[in-house]
Amino acid sequence: MLVDARTYQLYPSRMAGYLADYPRLGLPVQRRHGGWLPGCFTTISGVLNQAVHYWHYDEAGERETVRKAFTGDPDWAKYAATNPGRFVRQDTQLLVPVPFLPLGNEPLPVHIAPGIYEERSYHLRATAAEYVDVFRNTSLAMLRNSGVDVLGLFTADTGALSRIVHVWRWNASTNACG
């Protein structure tokens, strides 16, 4: 499994238009060509005015095939024409899940439950494998016992190496700021 985590930084005055146009014009084209977007979020802390997409692919070849198909679709060109002046920048990370979490090599959950989703990225001094072992043996049970749904722990497959990305969901009764 591979997660293509795409972060779009928008100009503040352009977010509402993006949130109206993307699900109406862009997402249907991507889905028509096999794209599966199990998670799409906007930020409420840290860097604001971001849309974060988590695309699921079984492997890198599928990602390449799907992206080539939808970017060649005339309807995608119509959607892309709505975007000039919206984006400050885009960042893309290809993430590989660690095998011991619920995601493991399974598809991402189809239903996104209510709550606040948090993504944390760490640049490590240790190797990713060393960090994963410590997390599995110490932090995972503590987080689960405190009511946090740990959705994924990923190692980065592109960009800066020795980087870990956590994704978890805080339910309504859990303090997400702690």
N, C-alpha and C. Protein backbone atom coordinates (compact mmCIF):
# COMPACT_ATOMS: atom_id res chain seq x y z
N MET A 1 0.84 -1.18 0.00
CA MET A 1 0.00 0.00 0.00
C MET A 1 0.88 1.24 0.00
N LEU A 2 0.39 2.27 -0.62
CA LEU A 2 1.09 3.54 -0.71
C LEU A 2 0.07 4.65 -0.49
N VAL A 3 0.42 5.64 0.31
CA VAL A 3 -0.43 6.81 0.50
C VAL A 3 0.28 8.01 -0.10
N ASP A 4 -0.40 8.66 -1.01
CA ASP A 4 0.10 9.89 -1.62
C ASP A 4 -0.53 11.03 -0.82
N ALA A 5 0.24 11.60 0.09
CA ALA A 5 -0.24 12.69 0.95
C ALA A 5 0.08 14.00 0.25
N ARG A 6 -0.95 14.71 -0.17
CA ARG A 6 -0.79 15.94 -0.94
C ARG A 6 -1.35 17.10 -0.13
N THR A 7 -0.51 18.09 0.11
CA THR A 7 -0.91 19.27 0.88
C THR A 7 -0.90 20.48 -0.04
N TYR A 8 -2.04 21.13 -0.15
CA TYR A 8 -2.20 22.31 -0.99
C TYR A 8 -2.35 23.53 -0.09
N GLN A 9 -1.43 24.46 -0.21
CA GLN A 9 -1.50 25.72 0.53
C GLN A 9 -2.24 26.71 -0.37
N LEU A 10 -3.37 27.22 0.13
CA LEU A 10 -4.19 28.15 -0.65
C LEU A 10 -4.09 29.55 -0.09
N TYR A 11 -4.29 30.53 -0.96
CA TYR A 11 -4.43 31.89 -0.48
C TYR A 11 -5.71 31.95 0.34
N PRO A 12 -5.71 32.66 1.47
CA PRO A 12 -6.89 32.66 2.35
C PRO A 12 -8.20 32.99 1.65
N SER A 13 -8.18 33.92 0.74
CA SER A 13 -9.42 34.31 0.08
C SER A 13 -9.87 33.30 -0.98
N ARG A 14 -9.07 32.26 -1.21
CA ARG A 14 -9.39 31.29 -2.27
C ARG A 14 -9.90 29.95 -1.73
N MET A 15 -9.86 29.74 -0.42
CA MET A 15 -10.24 28.45 0.15
C MET A 15 -11.71 28.11 -0.12
N ALA A 16 -12.62 29.03 0.06
CA ALA A 16 -14.05 28.75 -0.13
C ALA A 16 -14.34 28.29 -1.56
N GLY A 17 -13.75 28.96 -2.53
CA GLY A 17 -13.95 28.56 -3.93
C GLY A 17 -13.39 27.17 -4.21
N TYR A 18 -12.23 26.88 -3.64
CA TYR A 18 -11.64 25.56 -3.81
C TYR A 18 -12.56 24.48 -3.21
N LEU A 19 -13.05 24.73 -1.99
CA LEU A 19 -13.91 23.75 -1.33
C LEU A 19 -15.24 23.56 -2.05
N ALA A 20 -15.67 24.55 -2.81
CA ALA A 20 -16.88 24.42 -3.62
C ALA A 20 -16.59 23.71 -4.94
N ASP A 21 -15.48 24.05 -5.60
CA ASP A 21 -15.19 23.52 -6.93
C ASP A 21 -14.60 22.12 -6.93
N TYR A 22 -13.71 21.81 -6.00
CA TYR A 22 -13.02 20.52 -6.05
C TYR A 22 -13.98 19.33 -5.96
N PRO A 23 -14.88 19.26 -4.98
CA PRO A 23 -15.76 18.09 -4.93
C PRO A 23 -16.76 18.02 -6.09
N ARG A 24 -17.04 19.14 -6.69
CA ARG A 24 -18.01 19.20 -7.79
C ARG A 24 -17.35 18.93 -9.14
N LEU A 25 -16.13 19.44 -9.34
CA LEU A 25 -15.49 19.36 -10.66
C LEU A 25 -14.25 18.48 -10.71
N GLY A 26 -13.41 18.52 -9.68
CA GLY A 26 -12.14 17.79 -9.72
C GLY A 26 -12.24 16.35 -9.26
N LEU A 27 -12.80 16.14 -8.09
CA LEU A 27 -12.86 14.81 -7.50
C LEU A 27 -13.60 13.80 -8.38
N PRO A 28 -14.73 14.14 -8.99
CA PRO A 28 -15.40 13.15 -9.85
C PRO A 28 -14.53 12.66 -11.01
N VAL A 29 -13.70 13.53 -11.55
CA VAL A 29 -12.81 13.13 -12.64
C VAL A 29 -11.78 12.14 -12.11
N GLN A 30 -11.20 12.44 -10.96
CA GLN A 30 -10.20 11.54 -10.40
C GLN A 30 -10.82 10.18 -10.07
N ARG A 31 -12.00 10.18 -9.49
CA ARG A 31 -12.65 8.92 -9.15
C ARG A 31 -13.02 8.12 -10.39
N ARG A 32 -13.39 8.80 -11.46
CA ARG A 32 -13.75 8.12 -12.71
C ARG A 32 -12.59 7.30 -13.25
N HIS A 33 -11.37 7.72 -12.94
CA HIS A 33 -10.18 7.03 -13.45
C HIS A 33 -9.52 6.14 -12.41
N GLY A 34 -10.22 5.89 -11.32
CA GLY A 34 -9.71 4.91 -10.34
C GLY A 34 -9.10 5.51 -9.10
N GLY A 35 -9.07 6.82 -8.98
CA GLY A 35 -8.50 7.41 -7.77
C GLY A 35 -9.40 7.18 -6.57
N TRP A 36 -8.80 6.87 -5.41
CA TRP A 36 -9.57 6.69 -4.17
C TRP A 36 -9.03 7.65 -3.13
N LEU A 37 -9.88 8.56 -2.71
CA LEU A 37 -9.53 9.58 -1.73
C LEU A 37 -10.28 9.29 -0.44
N PRO A 38 -9.70 8.49 0.46
CA PRO A 38 -10.42 8.18 1.70
C PRO A 38 -10.33 9.29 2.75
N GLY A 39 -9.46 10.28 2.54
CA GLY A 39 -9.35 11.37 3.50
C GLY A 39 -9.00 12.68 2.83
N CYS A 40 -9.80 13.71 3.12
CA CYS A 40 -9.53 15.06 2.64
C CYS A 40 -9.86 16.01 3.78
N PHE A 41 -8.90 16.83 4.19
CA PHE A 41 -9.04 17.63 5.39
C PHE A 41 -8.60 19.07 5.12
N THR A 42 -9.05 19.99 5.96
CA THR A 42 -8.50 21.34 5.99
C THR A 42 -7.87 21.54 7.36
N THR A 43 -6.91 22.44 7.44
CA THR A 43 -6.18 22.65 8.68
C THR A 43 -6.86 23.70 9.55
N ILE A 44 -6.80 23.46 10.88
CA ILE A 44 -7.33 24.43 11.84
C ILE A 44 -6.25 24.88 12.82
N SER A 45 -5.06 24.34 12.67
CA SER A 45 -3.93 24.76 13.50
C SER A 45 -2.66 24.62 12.67
N GLY A 46 -1.57 25.17 13.19
CA GLY A 46 -0.33 25.14 12.41
C GLY A 46 -0.47 26.06 11.22
N VAL A 47 -0.03 25.61 10.07
CA VAL A 47 -0.16 26.39 8.85
C VAL A 47 -1.62 26.30 8.41
N LEU A 48 -2.29 27.44 8.35
CA LEU A 48 -3.71 27.46 8.00
C LEU A 48 -3.90 27.54 6.49
N ASN A 49 -5.15 27.43 6.07
CA ASN A 49 -5.52 27.52 4.65
C ASN A 49 -4.86 26.43 3.82
N GLN A 50 -4.85 25.23 4.39
CA GLN A 50 -4.33 24.08 3.66
C GLN A 50 -5.43 23.05 3.46
N ALA A 51 -5.41 22.42 2.31
CA ALA A 51 -6.23 21.24 2.05
C ALA A 51 -5.26 20.07 1.97
N VAL A 52 -5.55 19.02 2.73
CA VAL A 52 -4.67 17.86 2.80
C VAL A 52 -5.44 16.66 2.28
N HIS A 53 -4.91 16.03 1.25
CA HIS A 53 -5.54 14.85 0.63
C HIS A 53 -4.68 13.63 0.94
N TYR A 54 -5.33 12.53 1.26
CA TYR A 54 -4.65 11.24 1.40
C TYR A 54 -5.21 10.29 0.34
N TRP A 55 -4.44 10.07 -0.70
CA TRP A 55 -4.84 9.16 -1.77
C TRP A 55 -4.26 7.78 -1.50
N HIS A 56 -5.08 6.76 -1.67
CA HIS A 56 -4.67 5.38 -1.44
C HIS A 56 -4.39 4.70 -2.79
N TYR A 57 -3.25 4.01 -2.85
CA TYR A 57 -2.90 3.20 -4.02
C TYR A 57 -2.34 1.87 -3.53
N ASP A 58 -2.60 0.82 -4.28
CA ASP A 58 -2.04 -0.47 -3.91
C ASP A 58 -0.53 -0.51 -4.13
N GLU A 59 -0.07 0.22 -5.13
CA GLU A 59 1.36 0.27 -5.41
C GLU A 59 1.66 1.48 -6.31
N ALA A 60 2.93 1.79 -6.47
CA ALA A 60 3.34 3.00 -7.19
C ALA A 60 2.88 3.00 -8.65
N GLY A 61 2.86 1.84 -9.29
CA GLY A 61 2.43 1.77 -10.69
C GLY A 61 0.97 2.16 -10.85
N GLU A 62 0.13 1.80 -9.88
CA GLU A 62 -1.27 2.20 -9.93
C GLU A 62 -1.39 3.72 -9.84
N ARG A 63 -0.61 4.33 -8.96
CA ARG A 63 -0.63 5.79 -8.82
C ARG A 63 -0.30 6.45 -10.14
N GLU A 64 0.75 5.98 -10.78
CA GLU A 64 1.18 6.55 -12.06
C GLU A 64 0.10 6.40 -13.12
N THR A 65 -0.52 5.24 -13.21
CA THR A 65 -1.57 4.98 -14.20
C THR A 65 -2.79 5.88 -13.98
N VAL A 66 -3.24 5.96 -12.72
CA VAL A 66 -4.42 6.78 -12.40
C VAL A 66 -4.15 8.25 -12.69
N ARG A 67 -2.99 8.74 -12.25
CA ARG A 67 -2.68 10.16 -12.45
C ARG A 67 -2.57 10.50 -13.94
N LYS A 68 -1.97 9.62 -14.70
CA LYS A 68 -1.85 9.85 -16.15
C LYS A 68 -3.24 9.89 -16.80
N ALA A 69 -4.13 9.00 -16.36
CA ALA A 69 -5.47 8.94 -16.95
C ALA A 69 -6.27 10.20 -16.64
N PHE A 70 -6.32 10.61 -15.37
CA PHE A 70 -7.20 11.76 -15.08
C PHE A 70 -6.60 13.07 -15.56
N THR A 71 -5.28 13.22 -15.57
CA THR A 71 -4.71 14.48 -16.06
C THR A 71 -4.88 14.64 -17.57
N GLY A 72 -5.13 13.53 -18.27
CA GLY A 72 -5.39 13.59 -19.71
C GLY A 72 -6.87 13.76 -20.05
N ASP A 73 -7.73 13.76 -19.06
CA ASP A 73 -9.17 13.87 -19.27
C ASP A 73 -9.54 15.33 -19.52
N PRO A 74 -10.31 15.63 -20.58
CA PRO A 74 -10.73 17.02 -20.84
C PRO A 74 -11.49 17.66 -19.68
N ASP A 75 -12.22 16.86 -18.90
CA ASP A 75 -12.93 17.41 -17.75
C ASP A 75 -11.95 17.86 -16.67
N TRP A 76 -10.80 17.22 -16.58
CA TRP A 76 -9.78 17.67 -15.62
C TRP A 76 -9.25 19.03 -16.05
N ALA A 77 -9.06 19.22 -17.34
CA ALA A 77 -8.60 20.52 -17.84
C ALA A 77 -9.61 21.62 -17.50
N LYS A 78 -10.89 21.31 -17.57
CA LYS A 78 -11.92 22.29 -17.19
C LYS A 78 -11.80 22.63 -15.70
N TYR A 79 -11.59 21.61 -14.87
CA TYR A 79 -11.42 21.87 -13.44
C TYR A 79 -10.14 22.68 -13.20
N ALA A 80 -9.06 22.29 -13.82
CA ALA A 80 -7.77 22.98 -13.63
C ALA A 80 -7.88 24.46 -14.01
N ALA A 81 -8.75 24.76 -14.96
CA ALA A 81 -8.93 26.16 -15.38
C ALA A 81 -9.55 27.02 -14.27
N THR A 82 -10.15 26.39 -13.25
CA THR A 82 -10.72 27.15 -12.13
C THR A 82 -9.66 27.50 -11.08
N ASN A 83 -8.46 26.97 -11.23
CA ASN A 83 -7.46 27.07 -10.16
C ASN A 83 -6.44 28.20 -10.25
N PRO A 84 -6.24 28.90 -11.34
CA PRO A 84 -5.21 29.94 -11.34
C PRO A 84 -5.41 30.94 -10.21
N GLY A 85 -4.33 31.23 -9.52
CA GLY A 85 -4.37 32.19 -8.44
C GLY A 85 -4.85 31.64 -7.11
N ARG A 86 -5.12 30.34 -7.03
CA ARG A 86 -5.61 29.75 -5.77
C ARG A 86 -4.48 29.29 -4.86
N PHE A 87 -3.44 28.74 -5.44
CA PHE A 87 -2.46 28.00 -4.65
C PHE A 87 -1.17 28.77 -4.42
N VAL A 88 -0.70 28.73 -3.19
CA VAL A 88 0.61 29.28 -2.85
C VAL A 88 1.67 28.24 -3.21
N ARG A 89 1.40 26.97 -2.83
CA ARG A 89 2.34 25.89 -3.08
C ARG A 89 1.66 24.55 -2.89
N GLN A 90 2.36 23.51 -3.29
CA GLN A 90 1.89 22.14 -3.08
C GLN A 90 3.06 21.30 -2.61
N ASP A 91 2.80 20.46 -1.62
CA ASP A 91 3.80 19.50 -1.14
C ASP A 91 3.21 18.11 -1.27
N THR A 92 4.04 17.18 -1.70
CA THR A 92 3.60 15.80 -1.87
C THR A 92 4.57 14.88 -1.14
N GLN A 93 4.01 13.94 -0.38
CA GLN A 93 4.82 12.91 0.28
C GLN A 93 4.23 11.55 -0.10
N LEU A 94 5.08 10.61 -0.44
CA LEU A 94 4.64 9.23 -0.61
C LEU A 94 4.96 8.51 0.69
N LEU A 95 3.91 7.97 1.32
CA LEU A 95 4.05 7.36 2.64
C LEU A 95 3.77 5.87 2.56
N VAL A 96 4.55 5.11 3.33
CA VAL A 96 4.40 3.66 3.40
C VAL A 96 4.04 3.32 4.84
N PRO A 97 2.90 2.63 5.06
CA PRO A 97 2.50 2.34 6.44
C PRO A 97 3.40 1.28 7.07
N VAL A 98 3.56 1.38 8.39
CA VAL A 98 4.25 0.32 9.13
C VAL A 98 3.27 -0.83 9.28
N PRO A 99 3.73 -2.06 9.38
CA PRO A 99 2.83 -3.21 9.32
C PRO A 99 2.01 -3.48 10.59
N PHE A 100 2.33 -2.88 11.73
CA PHE A 100 1.65 -3.29 12.96
C PHE A 100 0.43 -2.46 13.34
N LEU A 101 0.13 -1.42 12.60
CA LEU A 101 -1.07 -0.63 12.90
C LEU A 101 -2.24 -1.13 12.07
N PRO A 102 -3.46 -0.71 12.41
CA PRO A 102 -4.62 -1.20 11.68
C PRO A 102 -4.49 -1.02 10.17
N LEU A 103 -3.86 0.07 9.75
CA LEU A 103 -3.70 0.25 8.31
C LEU A 103 -2.79 -0.81 7.74
N GLY A 104 -1.66 -1.05 8.43
CA GLY A 104 -0.73 -2.05 7.92
C GLY A 104 -0.66 -2.00 6.42
N ASN A 105 -1.03 -3.07 5.80
CA ASN A 105 -1.13 -3.08 4.34
C ASN A 105 -2.58 -3.17 3.90
N GLU A 106 -3.48 -2.73 4.76
CA GLU A 106 -4.91 -2.75 4.46
C GLU A 106 -5.32 -1.39 3.89
N PRO A 107 -6.46 -1.34 3.19
CA PRO A 107 -6.94 -0.05 2.71
C PRO A 107 -7.27 0.89 3.86
N LEU A 108 -7.18 2.17 3.59
CA LEU A 108 -7.59 3.17 4.58
C LEU A 108 -9.07 3.02 4.85
N PRO A 109 -9.53 3.42 6.04
CA PRO A 109 -10.96 3.29 6.36
C PRO A 109 -11.82 4.04 5.37
N VAL A 110 -12.94 3.45 5.02
CA VAL A 110 -13.85 4.09 4.07
C VAL A 110 -14.61 5.22 4.76
N HIS A 111 -15.00 5.02 6.01
CA HIS A 111 -15.77 6.03 6.73
C HIS A 111 -14.84 6.83 7.63
N ILE A 112 -14.86 8.12 7.48
CA ILE A 112 -14.08 8.99 8.34
C ILE A 112 -15.00 9.43 9.48
N ALA A 113 -14.64 9.05 10.69
CA ALA A 113 -15.47 9.34 11.86
C ALA A 113 -15.31 10.80 12.27
N PRO A 114 -16.32 11.36 12.97
CA PRO A 114 -16.20 12.73 13.47
C PRO A 114 -15.04 12.83 14.46
N GLY A 115 -14.49 13.98 14.56
CA GLY A 115 -13.39 14.22 15.48
C GLY A 115 -12.39 15.15 14.84
N ILE A 116 -11.29 15.31 15.50
CA ILE A 116 -10.19 16.12 14.97
C ILE A 116 -9.07 15.17 14.59
N TYR A 117 -8.62 15.28 13.35
CA TYR A 117 -7.54 14.44 12.85
C TYR A 117 -6.24 15.23 12.94
N GLU A 118 -5.23 14.58 13.43
CA GLU A 118 -3.94 15.25 13.61
C GLU A 118 -2.87 14.49 12.84
N GLU A 119 -2.08 15.25 12.12
CA GLU A 119 -0.92 14.69 11.42
C GLU A 119 0.31 15.31 12.06
N ARG A 120 1.23 14.47 12.46
CA ARG A 120 2.50 14.95 13.00
C ARG A 120 3.63 14.33 12.19
N SER A 121 4.62 15.15 11.87
CA SER A 121 5.80 14.66 11.17
C SER A 121 7.01 14.88 12.04
N TYR A 122 7.87 13.89 12.09
CA TYR A 122 9.09 13.98 12.88
C TYR A 122 10.28 13.67 11.99
N HIS A 123 11.29 14.50 12.09
CA HIS A 123 12.57 14.21 11.46
C HIS A 123 13.43 13.59 12.54
N LEU A 124 13.95 12.42 12.29
CA LEU A 124 14.56 11.60 13.32
C LEU A 124 16.08 11.66 13.32
N ARG A 125 16.64 11.52 14.50
CA ARG A 125 18.08 11.29 14.61
C ARG A 125 18.36 9.80 14.47
N ALA A 126 17.44 9.00 15.00
CA ALA A 126 17.56 7.54 14.87
C ALA A 126 17.05 7.13 13.50
N THR A 127 17.17 5.87 13.19
CA THR A 127 16.60 5.39 11.93
C THR A 127 15.09 5.24 12.12
N ALA A 128 14.37 5.23 11.01
CA ALA A 128 12.93 5.05 11.09
C ALA A 128 12.60 3.72 11.75
N ALA A 129 13.34 2.67 11.44
CA ALA A 129 13.08 1.35 12.03
C ALA A 129 13.25 1.38 13.55
N GLU A 130 14.25 2.09 14.06
CA GLU A 130 14.44 2.19 15.51
C GLU A 130 13.27 2.93 16.15
N TYR A 131 12.83 4.01 15.54
CA TYR A 131 11.70 4.78 16.07
C TYR A 131 10.43 3.93 16.07
N VAL A 132 10.18 3.22 14.98
CA VAL A 132 8.98 2.39 14.88
C VAL A 132 8.95 1.35 15.99
N ASP A 133 10.09 0.74 16.28
CA ASP A 133 10.15 -0.25 17.37
C ASP A 133 9.81 0.38 18.71
N VAL A 134 10.36 1.54 19.00
CA VAL A 134 10.08 2.22 20.27
C VAL A 134 8.60 2.61 20.34
N PHE A 135 8.07 3.15 19.26
CA PHE A 135 6.67 3.55 19.24
C PHE A 135 5.76 2.34 19.49
N ARG A 136 6.01 1.26 18.80
CA ARG A 136 5.18 0.06 18.95
C ARG A 136 5.24 -0.47 20.39
N ASN A 137 6.43 -0.45 20.99
CA ASN A 137 6.61 -1.05 22.30
C ASN A 137 6.25 -0.15 23.47
N THR A 138 6.11 1.17 23.25
CA THR A 138 5.83 2.08 24.37
C THR A 138 4.62 2.98 24.14
N SER A 139 4.59 3.70 23.06
CA SER A 139 3.59 4.75 22.87
C SER A 139 2.25 4.27 22.37
N LEU A 140 2.22 3.24 21.57
CA LEU A 140 0.98 2.82 20.92
C LEU A 140 -0.11 2.46 21.93
N ALA A 141 0.21 1.62 22.91
CA ALA A 141 -0.79 1.22 23.91
C ALA A 141 -1.25 2.42 24.74
N MET A 142 -0.33 3.29 25.09
CA MET A 142 -0.68 4.47 25.88
C MET A 142 -1.67 5.36 25.12
N LEU A 143 -1.42 5.60 23.84
CA LEU A 143 -2.32 6.42 23.04
C LEU A 143 -3.69 5.77 22.92
N ARG A 144 -3.72 4.49 22.63
CA ARG A 144 -5.01 3.78 22.49
C ARG A 144 -5.79 3.79 23.80
N ASN A 145 -5.09 3.60 24.92
CA ASN A 145 -5.76 3.61 26.23
C ASN A 145 -6.30 4.98 26.60
N SER A 146 -5.76 6.03 25.99
CA SER A 146 -6.23 7.39 26.31
C SER A 146 -7.37 7.83 25.37
N GLY A 147 -7.85 6.93 24.52
CA GLY A 147 -8.98 7.24 23.66
C GLY A 147 -8.61 7.82 22.31
N VAL A 148 -7.36 7.72 21.93
CA VAL A 148 -6.91 8.23 20.64
C VAL A 148 -6.93 7.09 19.63
N ASP A 149 -7.57 7.31 18.48
CA ASP A 149 -7.53 6.32 17.40
C ASP A 149 -6.27 6.57 16.58
N VAL A 150 -5.32 5.67 16.68
CA VAL A 150 -4.10 5.79 15.89
C VAL A 150 -4.41 5.18 14.52
N LEU A 151 -4.51 6.04 13.51
CA LEU A 151 -4.92 5.59 12.18
C LEU A 151 -3.75 5.15 11.33
N GLY A 152 -2.60 5.73 11.56
CA GLY A 152 -1.47 5.35 10.74
C GLY A 152 -0.17 5.89 11.26
N LEU A 153 0.85 5.11 11.05
CA LEU A 153 2.23 5.52 11.30
C LEU A 153 2.96 5.15 10.03
N PHE A 154 3.53 6.15 9.40
CA PHE A 154 4.12 5.95 8.08
C PHE A 154 5.59 6.35 8.08
N THR A 155 6.35 5.69 7.25
CA THR A 155 7.69 6.16 6.96
C THR A 155 7.62 6.87 5.61
N ALA A 156 8.38 7.91 5.46
CA ALA A 156 8.36 8.68 4.21
C ALA A 156 9.20 7.96 3.17
N ASP A 157 8.64 7.84 1.98
CA ASP A 157 9.33 7.16 0.89
C ASP A 157 9.94 8.16 -0.10
N THR A 158 9.65 9.45 0.10
CA THR A 158 10.21 10.50 -0.73
C THR A 158 10.58 11.68 0.16
N GLY A 159 11.32 12.61 -0.37
CA GLY A 159 11.69 13.80 0.41
C GLY A 159 12.75 13.46 1.43
N ALA A 160 12.73 14.18 2.55
CA ALA A 160 13.71 13.95 3.61
C ALA A 160 13.52 12.56 4.19
N LEU A 161 14.58 11.80 4.25
CA LEU A 161 14.51 10.46 4.82
C LEU A 161 14.60 10.54 6.33
N SER A 162 14.46 9.42 7.01
CA SER A 162 14.41 9.37 8.46
C SER A 162 13.30 10.27 8.98
N ARG A 163 12.16 10.20 8.32
CA ARG A 163 10.99 10.98 8.72
C ARG A 163 9.84 10.02 8.98
N ILE A 164 9.10 10.31 10.03
CA ILE A 164 7.93 9.53 10.42
C ILE A 164 6.72 10.45 10.37
N VAL A 165 5.59 9.93 9.93
CA VAL A 165 4.35 10.69 9.91
C VAL A 165 3.30 9.89 10.67
N HIS A 166 2.71 10.51 11.69
CA HIS A 166 1.61 9.92 12.46
C HIS A 166 0.31 10.55 11.98
N VAL A 167 -0.76 9.75 11.94
CA VAL A 167 -2.10 10.28 11.74
C VAL A 167 -2.98 9.63 12.79
N TRP A 168 -3.64 10.47 13.59
CA TRP A 168 -4.56 9.95 14.58
C TRP A 168 -5.78 10.82 14.70
N ARG A 169 -6.84 10.25 15.32
CA ARG A 169 -8.10 10.95 15.48
C ARG A 169 -8.38 11.10 16.97
N TRP A 170 -8.64 12.34 17.34
CA TRP A 170 -9.07 12.65 18.71
C TRP A 170 -10.58 12.65 18.69
N ASN A 171 -11.22 11.90 19.58
CA ASN A 171 -12.67 11.95 19.63
C ASN A 171 -13.11 13.18 20.42
N ALA A 172 -14.39 13.43 20.45
CA ALA A 172 -14.91 14.67 21.06
C ALA A 172 -14.55 14.80 22.54
N SER A 173 -14.36 13.67 23.25
CA SER A 173 -14.09 13.76 24.68
C SER A 173 -12.59 13.78 25.00
N THR A 174 -11.75 13.74 23.97
CA THR A 174 -10.31 13.73 24.18
C THR A 174 -9.74 15.11 23.90
N ASN A 175 -8.82 15.54 24.72
CA ASN A 175 -8.19 16.85 24.54
C ASN A 175 -7.12 16.77 23.45
N ALA A 176 -7.41 17.32 22.29
CA ALA A 176 -6.48 17.24 21.17
C ALA A 176 -5.31 18.18 21.31
N CYS A 177 -5.34 19.07 22.27
CA CYS A 177 -4.25 20.04 22.42
C CYS A 177 -3.18 19.56 23.39
N GLY A 178 -3.36 18.40 23.98
CA GLY A 178 -2.44 17.93 25.01
C GLY A 178 -1.29 17.30 24.49
